[in-house]
Amino acid sequence: MSTLTTHSMTNHHASGLLYQIGDTLHVWYERYRTRKELSQWTTRDLQDVGLSWSDIAFEAEKPFWRA
């Protein structure tokens, strides 16, 4: 007689993979969102943090999957 339960037969690898995919999608979305926000900053905002428009352009032009 088997003592395995449905829970112990769950494919934990698949759930870990789904977690990694979700985590990656979250990171990509955050990069997209922050780069978009940076591109809307004013000159004053940039001066406050010590960035130039060329710094922003360099970052904003990166695709979301590049760090």
PDB file of N, CA and C in Angstrom:
ATOM      1  N   MET A   1       0.830  -1.176   0.000  1.00  0.00           N
ATOM      2  CA  MET A   1       0.000   0.000   0.000  1.00  0.00           C
ATOM      3  C   MET A   1       0.881   1.248   0.000  1.00  0.00           C
ATOM      4  N   SER A   2       0.568   2.199  -0.854  1.00  0.00           N
ATOM      5  CA  SER A   2       1.369   3.411  -0.991  1.00  0.00           C
ATOM      6  C   SER A   2       1.019   4.416   0.104  1.00  0.00           C
ATOM      7  N   THR A   3       2.033   5.084   0.621  1.00  0.00           N
ATOM      8  CA  THR A   3       1.804   6.115   1.635  1.00  0.00           C
ATOM      9  C   THR A   3       1.960   7.513   1.057  1.00  0.00           C
ATOM     10  N   LEU A   4       2.130   7.595  -0.265  1.00  0.00           N
ATOM     11  CA  LEU A   4       2.278   8.897  -0.900  1.00  0.00           C
ATOM     12  C   LEU A   4       0.945   9.627  -0.911  1.00  0.00           C
ATOM     13  N   THR A   5       1.002  10.918  -0.660  1.00  0.00           N
ATOM     14  CA  THR A   5      -0.206  11.738  -0.748  1.00  0.00           C
ATOM     15  C   THR A   5      -0.140  12.557  -2.020  1.00  0.00           C
ATOM     16  N   THR A   6      -1.245  13.147  -2.374  1.00  0.00           N
ATOM     17  CA  THR A   6      -1.268  13.999  -3.564  1.00  0.00           C
ATOM     18  C   THR A   6      -0.264  15.126  -3.430  1.00  0.00           C
ATOM     19  N   HIS A   7      -0.154  15.693  -2.238  1.00  0.00           N
ATOM     20  CA  HIS A   7       0.769  16.809  -2.016  1.00  0.00           C
ATOM     21  C   HIS A   7       2.221  16.389  -2.249  1.00  0.00           C
ATOM     22  N   SER A   8       2.584  15.213  -1.799  1.00  0.00           N
ATOM     23  CA  SER A   8       3.974  14.792  -1.951  1.00  0.00           C
ATOM     24  C   SER A   8       4.312  14.446  -3.394  1.00  0.00           C
ATOM     25  N   MET A   9       3.302  14.264  -4.228  1.00  0.00           N
ATOM     26  CA  MET A   9       3.540  13.935  -5.631  1.00  0.00           C
ATOM     27  C   MET A   9       3.558  15.184  -6.512  1.00  0.00           C
ATOM     28  N   THR A  10       3.377  16.368  -5.919  1.00  0.00           N
ATOM     29  CA  THR A  10       3.377  17.615  -6.670  1.00  0.00           C
ATOM     30  C   THR A  10       4.738  17.840  -7.317  1.00  0.00           C
ATOM     31  N   ASN A  11       4.724  18.347  -8.521  1.00  0.00           N
ATOM     32  CA  ASN A  11       5.970  18.634  -9.229  1.00  0.00           C
ATOM     33  C   ASN A  11       6.517  19.970  -8.736  1.00  0.00           C
ATOM     34  N   HIS A  12       7.441  19.929  -7.789  1.00  0.00           N
ATOM     35  CA  HIS A  12       7.997  21.152  -7.215  1.00  0.00           C
ATOM     36  C   HIS A  12       8.902  21.871  -8.205  1.00  0.00           C
ATOM     37  N   HIS A  13       9.473  21.154  -9.129  1.00  0.00           N
ATOM     38  CA  HIS A  13      10.307  21.790 -10.143  1.00  0.00           C
ATOM     39  C   HIS A  13       9.473  22.743 -10.998  1.00  0.00           C
ATOM     40  N   ALA A  14       8.289  22.318 -11.368  1.00  0.00           N
ATOM     41  CA  ALA A  14       7.414  23.158 -12.196  1.00  0.00           C
ATOM     42  C   ALA A  14       6.998  24.403 -11.436  1.00  0.00           C
ATOM     43  N   SER A  15       6.676  24.282 -10.159  1.00  0.00           N
ATOM     44  CA  SER A  15       6.265  25.461  -9.396  1.00  0.00           C
ATOM     45  C   SER A  15       7.449  26.405  -9.211  1.00  0.00           C
ATOM     46  N   GLY A  16       8.660  25.862  -9.053  1.00  0.00           N
ATOM     47  CA  GLY A  16       9.854  26.700  -8.962  1.00  0.00           C
ATOM     48  C   GLY A  16      10.124  27.429 -10.263  1.00  0.00           C
ATOM     49  N   LEU A  17       9.889  26.751 -11.370  1.00  0.00           N
ATOM     50  CA  LEU A  17      10.067  27.364 -12.678  1.00  0.00           C
ATOM     51  C   LEU A  17       9.063  28.489 -12.881  1.00  0.00           C
ATOM     52  N   LEU A  18       7.821  28.253 -12.479  1.00  0.00           N
ATOM     53  CA  LEU A  18       6.800  29.299 -12.596  1.00  0.00           C
ATOM     54  C   LEU A  18       7.154  30.504 -11.738  1.00  0.00           C
ATOM     55  N   TYR A  19       7.696  30.267 -10.559  1.00  0.00           N
ATOM     56  CA  TYR A  19       8.136  31.355  -9.694  1.00  0.00           C
ATOM     57  C   TYR A  19       9.245  32.156 -10.374  1.00  0.00           C
ATOM     58  N   GLN A  20      10.215  31.466 -10.966  1.00  0.00           N
ATOM     59  CA  GLN A  20      11.316  32.153 -11.648  1.00  0.00           C
ATOM     60  C   GLN A  20      10.813  32.972 -12.828  1.00  0.00           C
ATOM     61  N   ILE A  21       9.874  32.443 -13.575  1.00  0.00           N
ATOM     62  CA  ILE A  21       9.307  33.172 -14.707  1.00  0.00           C
ATOM     63  C   ILE A  21       8.589  34.421 -14.200  1.00  0.00           C
ATOM     64  N   GLY A  22       7.792  34.260 -13.158  1.00  0.00           N
ATOM     65  CA  GLY A  22       7.082  35.403 -12.582  1.00  0.00           C
ATOM     66  C   GLY A  22       8.043  36.453 -12.057  1.00  0.00           C
ATOM     67  N   ASP A  23       9.110  36.018 -11.411  1.00  0.00           N
ATOM     68  CA  ASP A  23      10.109  36.935 -10.883  1.00  0.00           C
ATOM     69  C   ASP A  23      10.798  37.689 -12.013  1.00  0.00           C
ATOM     70  N   THR A  24      11.143  36.985 -13.077  1.00  0.00           N
ATOM     71  CA  THR A  24      11.783  37.620 -14.231  1.00  0.00           C
ATOM     72  C   THR A  24      10.854  38.649 -14.874  1.00  0.00           C
ATOM     73  N   LEU A  25       9.593  38.297 -15.043  1.00  0.00           N
ATOM     74  CA  LEU A  25       8.619  39.237 -15.616  1.00  0.00           C
ATOM     75  C   LEU A  25       8.474  40.476 -14.740  1.00  0.00           C
ATOM     76  N   HIS A  26       8.503  40.277 -13.425  1.00  0.00           N
ATOM     77  CA  HIS A  26       8.418  41.416 -12.508  1.00  0.00           C
ATOM     78  C   HIS A  26       9.626  42.334 -12.658  1.00  0.00           C
ATOM     79  N   VAL A  27      10.815  41.770 -12.733  1.00  0.00           N
ATOM     80  CA  VAL A  27      12.038  42.564 -12.905  1.00  0.00           C
ATOM     81  C   VAL A  27      11.976  43.341 -14.217  1.00  0.00           C
ATOM     82  N   TRP A  28      11.558  42.679 -15.287  1.00  0.00           N
ATOM     83  CA  TRP A  28      11.455  43.339 -16.591  1.00  0.00           C
ATOM     84  C   TRP A  28      10.466  44.497 -16.542  1.00  0.00           C
ATOM     85  N   TYR A  29       9.319  44.286 -15.890  1.00  0.00           N
ATOM     86  CA  TYR A  29       8.322  45.349 -15.799  1.00  0.00           C
ATOM     87  C   TYR A  29       8.866  46.524 -14.998  1.00  0.00           C
ATOM     88  N   GLU A  30       9.558  46.258 -13.895  1.00  0.00           N
ATOM     89  CA  GLU A  30      10.126  47.337 -13.087  1.00  0.00           C
ATOM     90  C   GLU A  30      11.167  48.130 -13.872  1.00  0.00           C
ATOM     91  N   ARG A  31      11.987  47.452 -14.667  1.00  0.00           N
ATOM     92  CA  ARG A  31      12.955  48.173 -15.510  1.00  0.00           C
ATOM     93  C   ARG A  31      12.244  49.069 -16.500  1.00  0.00           C
ATOM     94  N   TYR A  32      11.217  48.521 -17.158  1.00  0.00           N
ATOM     95  CA  TYR A  32      10.439  49.311 -18.118  1.00  0.00           C
ATOM     96  C   TYR A  32       9.832  50.529 -17.433  1.00  0.00           C
ATOM     97  N   ARG A  33       9.199  50.325 -16.274  1.00  0.00           N
ATOM     98  CA  ARG A  33       8.508  51.397 -15.564  1.00  0.00           C
ATOM     99  C   ARG A  33       9.477  52.479 -15.088  1.00  0.00           C
ATOM    100  N   THR A  34      10.605  52.083 -14.502  1.00  0.00           N
ATOM    101  CA  THR A  34      11.537  53.082 -13.983  1.00  0.00           C
ATOM    102  C   THR A  34      12.238  53.839 -15.110  1.00  0.00           C
ATOM    103  N   ARG A  35      12.531  53.166 -16.208  1.00  0.00           N
ATOM    104  CA  ARG A  35      13.155  53.861 -17.336  1.00  0.00           C
ATOM    105  C   ARG A  35      12.188  54.856 -17.965  1.00  0.00           C
ATOM    106  N   LYS A  36      10.932  54.484 -18.030  1.00  0.00           N
ATOM    107  CA  LYS A  36       9.917  55.401 -18.550  1.00  0.00           C
ATOM    108  C   LYS A  36       9.789  56.611 -17.620  1.00  0.00           C
ATOM    109  N   GLU A  37       9.778  56.371 -16.327  1.00  0.00           N
ATOM    110  CA  GLU A  37       9.680  57.462 -15.355  1.00  0.00           C
ATOM    111  C   GLU A  37      10.896  58.379 -15.449  1.00  0.00           C
ATOM    112  N   LEU A  38      12.082  57.808 -15.557  1.00  0.00           N
ATOM    113  CA  LEU A  38      13.297  58.618 -15.684  1.00  0.00           C
ATOM    114  C   LEU A  38      13.233  59.553 -16.893  1.00  0.00           C
ATOM    115  N   SER A  39      12.675  59.064 -17.979  1.00  0.00           N
ATOM    116  CA  SER A  39      12.617  59.873 -19.198  1.00  0.00           C
ATOM    117  C   SER A  39      11.670  61.065 -19.048  1.00  0.00           C
ATOM    118  N   GLN A  40      10.859  61.080 -17.998  1.00  0.00           N
ATOM    119  CA  GLN A  40       9.914  62.176 -17.780  1.00  0.00           C
ATOM    120  C   GLN A  40      10.393  63.163 -16.715  1.00  0.00           C
ATOM    121  N   TRP A  41      11.569  62.949 -16.173  1.00  0.00           N
ATOM    122  CA  TRP A  41      12.102  63.853 -15.159  1.00  0.00           C
ATOM    123  C   TRP A  41      12.429  65.204 -15.768  1.00  0.00           C
ATOM    124  N   THR A  42      12.391  66.234 -14.941  1.00  0.00           N
ATOM    125  CA  THR A  42      12.741  67.590 -15.374  1.00  0.00           C
ATOM    126  C   THR A  42      14.251  67.794 -15.228  1.00  0.00           C
ATOM    127  N   THR A  43      14.736  68.855 -15.798  1.00  0.00           N
ATOM    128  CA  THR A  43      16.153  69.205 -15.666  1.00  0.00           C
ATOM    129  C   THR A  43      16.516  69.379 -14.201  1.00  0.00           C
ATOM    130  N   ARG A  44      15.619  69.984 -13.449  1.00  0.00           N
ATOM    131  CA  ARG A  44      15.846  70.187 -12.008  1.00  0.00           C
ATOM    132  C   ARG A  44      15.984  68.843 -11.282  1.00  0.00           C
ATOM    133  N   ASP A  45      15.111  67.888 -11.610  1.00  0.00           N
ATOM    134  CA  ASP A  45      15.193  66.551 -11.004  1.00  0.00           C
ATOM    135  C   ASP A  45      16.550  65.921 -11.288  1.00  0.00           C
ATOM    136  N   LEU A  46      16.986  66.035 -12.527  1.00  0.00           N
ATOM    137  CA  LEU A  46      18.266  65.444 -12.920  1.00  0.00           C
ATOM    138  C   LEU A  46      19.425  66.106 -12.183  1.00  0.00           C
ATOM    139  N   GLN A  47      19.370  67.417 -12.052  1.00  0.00           N
ATOM    140  CA  GLN A  47      20.428  68.122 -11.327  1.00  0.00           C
ATOM    141  C   GLN A  47      20.470  67.680  -9.868  1.00  0.00           C
ATOM    142  N   ASP A  48      19.300  67.459  -9.273  1.00  0.00           N
ATOM    143  CA  ASP A  48      19.230  67.046  -7.861  1.00  0.00           C
ATOM    144  C   ASP A  48      19.939  65.716  -7.618  1.00  0.00           C
ATOM    145  N   VAL A  49      19.888  64.810  -8.579  1.00  0.00           N
ATOM    146  CA  VAL A  49      20.519  63.498  -8.388  1.00  0.00           C
ATOM    147  C   VAL A  49      21.844  63.367  -9.134  1.00  0.00           C
ATOM    148  N   GLY A  50      22.252  64.412  -9.810  1.00  0.00           N
ATOM    149  CA  GLY A  50      23.548  64.411 -10.478  1.00  0.00           C
ATOM    150  C   GLY A  50      23.590  63.660 -11.791  1.00  0.00           C
ATOM    151  N   LEU A  51      22.466  63.626 -12.519  1.00  0.00           N
ATOM    152  CA  LEU A  51      22.419  62.961 -13.821  1.00  0.00           C
ATOM    153  C   LEU A  51      22.245  63.980 -14.935  1.00  0.00           C
ATOM    154  N   SER A  52      22.646  63.588 -16.128  1.00  0.00           N
ATOM    155  CA  SER A  52      22.459  64.439 -17.303  1.00  0.00           C
ATOM    156  C   SER A  52      21.447  63.786 -18.232  1.00  0.00           C
ATOM    157  N   TRP A  53      21.022  64.542 -19.233  1.00  0.00           N
ATOM    158  CA  TRP A  53      20.089  63.988 -20.216  1.00  0.00           C
ATOM    159  C   TRP A  53      20.728  62.836 -20.984  1.00  0.00           C
ATOM    160  N   SER A  54      22.035  62.902 -21.197  1.00  0.00           N
ATOM    161  CA  SER A  54      22.690  61.793 -21.902  1.00  0.00           C
ATOM    162  C   SER A  54      22.690  60.520 -21.049  1.00  0.00           C
ATOM    163  N   ASP A  55      22.823  60.676 -19.722  1.00  0.00           N
ATOM    164  CA  ASP A  55      22.718  59.515 -18.825  1.00  0.00           C
ATOM    165  C   ASP A  55      21.336  58.881 -18.940  1.00  0.00           C
ATOM    166  N   ILE A  56      20.323  59.725 -18.955  1.00  0.00           N
ATOM    167  CA  ILE A  56      18.942  59.245 -19.036  1.00  0.00           C
ATOM    168  C   ILE A  56      18.693  58.591 -20.390  1.00  0.00           C
ATOM    169  N   ALA A  57      19.160  59.220 -21.460  1.00  0.00           N
ATOM    170  CA  ALA A  57      18.962  58.659 -22.796  1.00  0.00           C
ATOM    171  C   ALA A  57      19.620  57.288 -22.902  1.00  0.00           C
ATOM    172  N   PHE A  58      20.825  57.157 -22.360  1.00  0.00           N
ATOM    173  CA  PHE A  58      21.524  55.872 -22.394  1.00  0.00           C
ATOM    174  C   PHE A  58      20.706  54.791 -21.689  1.00  0.00           C
ATOM    175  N   GLU A  59      20.181  55.128 -20.512  1.00  0.00           N
ATOM    176  CA  GLU A  59      19.407  54.151 -19.733  1.00  0.00           C
ATOM    177  C   GLU A  59      18.049  53.875 -20.372  1.00  0.00           C
ATOM    178  N   ALA A  60      17.373  54.909 -20.831  1.00  0.00           N
ATOM    179  CA  ALA A  60      16.019  54.764 -21.370  1.00  0.00           C
ATOM    180  C   ALA A  60      15.998  53.995 -22.691  1.00  0.00           C
ATOM    181  N   GLU A  61      17.088  54.027 -23.427  1.00  0.00           N
ATOM    182  CA  GLU A  61      17.125  53.338 -24.718  1.00  0.00           C
ATOM    183  C   GLU A  61      17.402  51.839 -24.594  1.00  0.00           C
ATOM    184  N   LYS A  62      17.783  51.391 -23.416  1.00  0.00           N
ATOM    185  CA  LYS A  62      18.034  49.963 -23.226  1.00  0.00           C
ATOM    186  C   LYS A  62      16.707  49.198 -23.307  1.00  0.00           C
ATOM    187  N   PRO A  63      16.718  48.013 -23.894  1.00  0.00           N
ATOM    188  CA  PRO A  63      15.515  47.188 -23.838  1.00  0.00           C
ATOM    189  C   PRO A  63      15.286  46.701 -22.407  1.00  0.00           C
ATOM    190  N   PHE A  64      14.048  46.396 -22.082  1.00  0.00           N
ATOM    191  CA  PHE A  64      13.689  46.037 -20.705  1.00  0.00           C
ATOM    192  C   PHE A  64      14.421  44.802 -20.195  1.00  0.00           C
ATOM    193  N   TRP A  65      14.882  43.948 -21.062  1.00  0.00           N
ATOM    194  CA  TRP A  65      15.532  42.712 -20.606  1.00  0.00           C
ATOM    195  C   TRP A  65      17.009  42.921 -20.290  1.00  0.00           C
ATOM    196  N   ARG A  66      17.555  44.100 -20.618  1.00  0.00           N
ATOM    197  CA  ARG A  66      18.970  44.378 -20.300  1.00  0.00           C
ATOM    198  C   ARG A  66      19.075  45.131 -18.994  1.00  0.00           C
ATOM    199  N   ALA A  67      19.972  44.690 -18.133  1.00  0.00           N
ATOM    200  CA  ALA A  67      20.185  45.368 -16.843  1.00  0.00           C
ATOM    201  C   ALA A  67      20.990  46.631 -17.046  1.00  0.00           C
TER     202      ALA A  67
END
